[in-house]
Amino acid sequence: MNRDTRLSDVLHVLLHLGQVEGPVTSEVLAKSMGTNPAVFRRTMAGLRKAGHVQSGRGHGGGWRLARPLRQISLLAVYEALGRPNLFAIGNRSDHPDCLVERSVNAAMADTMARAEALFVERFKKVTLDTLAPGKPEPLSVHGRTRPRGGGGS
């Protein structure tokens, strides 16, 4: 199953942007997300529209935060990304007249709705400044090969 890492990727980028003074190019930030600049720009479009980031073109252009990290919640980023699906679990709908199928689907829908409400409530309370490391982590770490098993940012 492929996982949607956009939320994690964008949070990563925003935290790096919170550690620099000037704009950072799409090329540099795309590399930190492990993607290409065009995909990066499409991913960031919702955050720009929501007013969390700004971008400029040409010499001296690039991406920067439009507001401090303390003013951006996890929920705001999640919503700016279009509220990606939280769960890969789906309901069976092959036989809508089947009472068992309807019962199972109702139970699953209720459970998923409760889980999403808990998720949203928690994400409202967490601002990005609380996720920032104590010392700045340079984007140059993304130019190095990661050790096996992960590591790095």
C-alpha atoms as a PDB file:
ATOM      1  CA  MET A   1       0.000   0.000   0.000  1.00  0.00           C
ATOM      2  CA  ASN A   2       1.386   3.392  -0.962  1.00  0.00           C
ATOM      3  CA  ARG A   3       1.329   5.933   1.823  1.00  0.00           C
ATOM      4  CA  ASP A   4       0.516   9.587   1.229  1.00  0.00           C
ATOM      5  CA  THR A   5       3.504  11.422   2.708  1.00  0.00           C
ATOM      6  CA  ARG A   6       2.525  14.928   1.559  1.00  0.00           C
ATOM      7  CA  LEU A   7       1.601  16.123   5.054  1.00  0.00           C
ATOM      8  CA  SER A   8       4.860  14.887   6.539  1.00  0.00           C
ATOM      9  CA  ASP A   9       6.832  16.243   3.561  1.00  0.00           C
ATOM     10  CA  VAL A  10       5.231  19.695   3.766  1.00  0.00           C
ATOM     11  CA  LEU A  11       5.713  19.895   7.540  1.00  0.00           C
ATOM     12  CA  HIS A  12       9.376  19.072   6.966  1.00  0.00           C
ATOM     13  CA  VAL A  13       9.693  21.890   4.420  1.00  0.00           C
ATOM     14  CA  LEU A  14       7.850  24.413   6.589  1.00  0.00           C
ATOM     15  CA  LEU A  15      10.093  23.689   9.561  1.00  0.00           C
ATOM     16  CA  HIS A  16      13.185  24.196   7.397  1.00  0.00           C
ATOM     17  CA  LEU A  17      11.713  27.463   6.084  1.00  0.00           C
ATOM     18  CA  GLY A  18      11.221  28.545   9.688  1.00  0.00           C
ATOM     19  CA  GLN A  19      14.979  28.256  10.230  1.00  0.00           C
ATOM     20  CA  VAL A  20      16.170  30.443   7.356  1.00  0.00           C
ATOM     21  CA  GLU A  21      16.063  34.184   6.772  1.00  0.00           C
ATOM     22  CA  GLY A  22      15.667  34.424   3.004  1.00  0.00           C
ATOM     23  CA  PRO A  23      13.736  32.588   0.315  1.00  0.00           C
ATOM     24  CA  VAL A  24      14.603  29.023  -0.674  1.00  0.00           C
ATOM     25  CA  THR A  25      14.194  27.791  -4.255  1.00  0.00           C
ATOM     26  CA  SER A  26      11.772  25.112  -5.359  1.00  0.00           C
ATOM     27  CA  GLU A  27      14.723  23.031  -6.512  1.00  0.00           C
ATOM     28  CA  VAL A  28      16.312  22.951  -3.061  1.00  0.00           C
ATOM     29  CA  LEU A  29      13.029  22.287  -1.251  1.00  0.00           C
ATOM     30  CA  ALA A  30      11.913  19.657  -3.777  1.00  0.00           C
ATOM     31  CA  LYS A  31      15.151  17.806  -3.130  1.00  0.00           C
ATOM     32  CA  SER A  32      14.387  17.783   0.602  1.00  0.00           C
ATOM     33  CA  MET A  33      10.999  16.211  -0.206  1.00  0.00           C
ATOM     34  CA  GLY A  34      12.529  13.708  -2.599  1.00  0.00           C
ATOM     35  CA  THR A  35      10.526  14.996  -5.568  1.00  0.00           C
ATOM     36  CA  ASN A  36      10.910  17.334  -8.520  1.00  0.00           C
ATOM     37  CA  PRO A  37      10.286  21.110  -8.454  1.00  0.00           C
ATOM     38  CA  ALA A  38       7.041  20.945 -10.470  1.00  0.00           C
ATOM     39  CA  VAL A  39       5.475  18.428  -8.062  1.00  0.00           C
ATOM     40  CA  PHE A  40       6.758  20.480  -5.145  1.00  0.00           C
ATOM     41  CA  ARG A  41       5.113  23.657  -6.471  1.00  0.00           C
ATOM     42  CA  ARG A  42       1.784  21.843  -7.004  1.00  0.00           C
ATOM     43  CA  THR A  43       1.946  20.446  -3.474  1.00  0.00           C
ATOM     44  CA  MET A  44       2.667  23.891  -2.002  1.00  0.00           C
ATOM     45  CA  ALA A  45      -0.067  25.690  -3.972  1.00  0.00           C
ATOM     46  CA  GLY A  46      -2.703  25.117  -1.278  1.00  0.00           C
ATOM     47  CA  LEU A  47      -0.393  26.444   1.425  1.00  0.00           C
ATOM     48  CA  ARG A  48       0.278  29.574  -0.612  1.00  0.00           C
ATOM     49  CA  LYS A  49      -3.463  30.058  -1.209  1.00  0.00           C
ATOM     50  CA  ALA A  50      -4.118  29.634   2.543  1.00  0.00           C
ATOM     51  CA  GLY A  51      -1.514  32.315   3.292  1.00  0.00           C
ATOM     52  CA  HIS A  52       1.019  30.111   5.070  1.00  0.00           C
ATOM     53  CA  VAL A  53       3.813  30.595   2.503  1.00  0.00           C
ATOM     54  CA  GLN A  54       4.798  33.055  -0.200  1.00  0.00           C
ATOM     55  CA  SER A  55       6.761  32.420  -3.351  1.00  0.00           C
ATOM     56  CA  GLY A  56       8.620  34.653  -5.742  1.00  0.00           C
ATOM     57  CA  ARG A  57      10.126  34.075  -9.162  1.00  0.00           C
ATOM     58  CA  GLY A  58      13.434  34.992 -10.687  1.00  0.00           C
ATOM     59  CA  HIS A  59      16.717  36.064  -9.124  1.00  0.00           C
ATOM     60  CA  GLY A  60      16.291  36.247  -5.368  1.00  0.00           C
ATOM     61  CA  GLY A  61      12.975  34.410  -5.573  1.00  0.00           C
ATOM     62  CA  GLY A  62      11.890  31.283  -3.808  1.00  0.00           C
ATOM     63  CA  TRP A  63       9.677  30.184  -0.948  1.00  0.00           C
ATOM     64  CA  ARG A  64       9.369  31.705   2.507  1.00  0.00           C
ATOM     65  CA  LEU A  65       6.946  31.554   5.386  1.00  0.00           C
ATOM     66  CA  ALA A  66       4.164  34.134   5.247  1.00  0.00           C
ATOM     67  CA  ARG A  67       3.569  33.911   9.010  1.00  0.00           C
ATOM     68  CA  PRO A  68       5.493  32.596  12.023  1.00  0.00           C
ATOM     69  CA  LEU A  69       5.426  28.863  12.752  1.00  0.00           C
ATOM     70  CA  ARG A  70       3.537  29.561  16.008  1.00  0.00           C
ATOM     71  CA  GLN A  71       0.610  30.791  13.897  1.00  0.00           C
ATOM     72  CA  ILE A  72       0.372  27.637  11.777  1.00  0.00           C
ATOM     73  CA  SER A  73      -1.313  24.536  13.212  1.00  0.00           C
ATOM     74  CA  LEU A  74      -1.063  20.983  11.972  1.00  0.00           C
ATOM     75  CA  LEU A  75      -4.760  21.233  11.140  1.00  0.00           C
ATOM     76  CA  ALA A  76      -4.184  24.326   8.984  1.00  0.00           C
ATOM     77  CA  VAL A  77      -1.535  22.484   6.954  1.00  0.00           C
ATOM     78  CA  TYR A  78      -3.715  19.372   6.671  1.00  0.00           C
ATOM     79  CA  GLU A  79      -6.609  21.497   5.408  1.00  0.00           C
ATOM     80  CA  ALA A  80      -4.379  23.430   2.978  1.00  0.00           C
ATOM     81  CA  LEU A  81      -3.419  20.082   1.446  1.00  0.00           C
ATOM     82  CA  GLY A  82      -7.097  19.323   0.816  1.00  0.00           C
ATOM     83  CA  ARG A  83      -7.627  17.075   3.858  1.00  0.00           C
ATOM     84  CA  PRO A  84      -5.964  13.941   2.459  1.00  0.00           C
ATOM     85  CA  ASN A  85      -7.522  10.614   3.470  1.00  0.00           C
ATOM     86  CA  LEU A  86      -6.457   9.572   6.927  1.00  0.00           C
ATOM     87  CA  PHE A  87      -7.186   5.891   6.511  1.00  0.00           C
ATOM     88  CA  ALA A  88      -6.810   3.389   3.729  1.00  0.00           C
ATOM     89  CA  ILE A  89      -9.725   1.377   5.107  1.00  0.00           C
ATOM     90  CA  GLY A  90     -12.787   1.416   2.903  1.00  0.00           C
ATOM     91  CA  ASN A  91     -16.302   0.036   3.004  1.00  0.00           C
ATOM     92  CA  ARG A  92     -17.518  -2.817   0.898  1.00  0.00           C
ATOM     93  CA  SER A  93     -20.351  -1.776  -1.400  1.00  0.00           C
ATOM     94  CA  ASP A  94     -20.903  -4.775  -3.642  1.00  0.00           C
ATOM     95  CA  HIS A  95     -24.328  -5.630  -2.200  1.00  0.00           C
ATOM     96  CA  PRO A  96     -26.102  -2.519  -0.842  1.00  0.00           C
ATOM     97  CA  ASP A  97     -29.223  -4.549  -0.007  1.00  0.00           C
ATOM     98  CA  CYS A  98     -27.273  -6.918   2.267  1.00  0.00           C
ATOM     99  CA  LEU A  99     -28.105  -6.200   5.911  1.00  0.00           C
ATOM    100  CA  VAL A 100     -24.733  -7.522   7.093  1.00  0.00           C
ATOM    101  CA  GLU A 101     -22.872  -5.246   4.685  1.00  0.00           C
ATOM    102  CA  ARG A 102     -24.937  -2.260   5.792  1.00  0.00           C
ATOM    103  CA  SER A 103     -24.345  -3.047   9.466  1.00  0.00           C
ATOM    104  CA  VAL A 104     -20.598  -3.418   8.979  1.00  0.00           C
ATOM    105  CA  ASN A 105     -20.409  -0.230   6.911  1.00  0.00           C
ATOM    106  CA  ALA A 106     -22.363   1.746   9.516  1.00  0.00           C
ATOM    107  CA  ALA A 107     -20.074   0.553  12.326  1.00  0.00           C
ATOM    108  CA  MET A 108     -16.957   1.324  10.319  1.00  0.00           C
ATOM    109  CA  ALA A 109     -18.222   4.753   9.241  1.00  0.00           C
ATOM    110  CA  ASP A 110     -19.032   5.694  12.833  1.00  0.00           C
ATOM    111  CA  THR A 111     -15.635   4.509  14.087  1.00  0.00           C
ATOM    112  CA  MET A 112     -13.768   6.323  11.313  1.00  0.00           C
ATOM    113  CA  ALA A 113     -15.728   9.537  11.936  1.00  0.00           C
ATOM    114  CA  ARG A 114     -14.844   9.409  15.637  1.00  0.00           C
ATOM    115  CA  ALA A 115     -11.183   8.741  14.867  1.00  0.00           C
ATOM    116  CA  GLU A 116     -11.083  11.650  12.418  1.00  0.00           C
ATOM    117  CA  ALA A 117     -12.718  13.979  14.953  1.00  0.00           C
ATOM    118  CA  LEU A 118     -10.055  13.045  17.517  1.00  0.00           C
ATOM    119  CA  PHE A 119      -7.329  13.582  14.918  1.00  0.00           C
ATOM    120  CA  VAL A 120      -8.703  17.015  13.954  1.00  0.00           C
ATOM    121  CA  GLU A 121      -9.062  18.092  17.592  1.00  0.00           C
ATOM    122  CA  ARG A 122      -5.456  17.141  18.333  1.00  0.00           C
ATOM    123  CA  PHE A 123      -4.150  18.796  15.163  1.00  0.00           C
ATOM    124  CA  LYS A 124      -5.882  22.073  16.117  1.00  0.00           C
ATOM    125  CA  LYS A 125      -3.775  22.225  19.276  1.00  0.00           C
ATOM    126  CA  VAL A 126      -0.326  21.595  17.769  1.00  0.00           C
ATOM    127  CA  THR A 127       1.489  24.504  16.189  1.00  0.00           C
ATOM    128  CA  LEU A 128       4.573  24.091  14.053  1.00  0.00           C
ATOM    129  CA  ASP A 129       6.876  25.959  16.421  1.00  0.00           C
ATOM    130  CA  THR A 130       6.462  23.064  18.885  1.00  0.00           C
ATOM    131  CA  LEU A 131       7.866  20.679  16.267  1.00  0.00           C
ATOM    132  CA  ALA A 132      10.966  22.722  15.428  1.00  0.00           C
ATOM    133  CA  PRO A 133      14.271  21.270  16.615  1.00  0.00           C
ATOM    134  CA  GLY A 134      16.217  23.169  19.258  1.00  0.00           C
ATOM    135  CA  LYS A 135      18.992  24.005  16.835  1.00  0.00           C
ATOM    136  CA  PRO A 136      18.712  24.761  13.120  1.00  0.00           C
ATOM    137  CA  GLU A 137      19.105  21.798  10.784  1.00  0.00           C
ATOM    138  CA  PRO A 138      20.600  22.956   7.483  1.00  0.00           C
ATOM    139  CA  LEU A 139      18.991  21.913   4.236  1.00  0.00           C
ATOM    140  CA  SER A 140      22.429  20.727   3.162  1.00  0.00           C
ATOM    141  CA  VAL A 141      21.792  17.481   5.095  1.00  0.00           C
ATOM    142  CA  HIS A 142      19.592  16.474   2.175  1.00  0.00           C
ATOM    143  CA  GLY A 143      22.584  16.428  -0.126  1.00  0.00           C
ATOM    144  CA  ARG A 144      24.173  13.604   1.848  1.00  0.00           C
ATOM    145  CA  THR A 145      23.326   9.958   1.490  1.00  0.00           C
ATOM    146  CA  ARG A 146      21.232   8.798   4.412  1.00  0.00           C
ATOM    147  CA  PRO A 147      22.543   5.954   6.508  1.00  0.00           C
ATOM    148  CA  ARG A 148      20.716   2.680   6.057  1.00  0.00           C
ATOM    149  CA  GLY A 149      17.542   2.478   8.113  1.00  0.00           C
ATOM    150  CA  GLY A 150      16.624   6.137   7.785  1.00  0.00           C
ATOM    151  CA  GLY A 151      18.046   8.902   9.878  1.00  0.00           C
ATOM    152  CA  GLY A 152      18.580  12.485   8.909  1.00  0.00           C
ATOM    153  CA  SER A 153      15.696  14.870   8.462  1.00  0.00           C
END
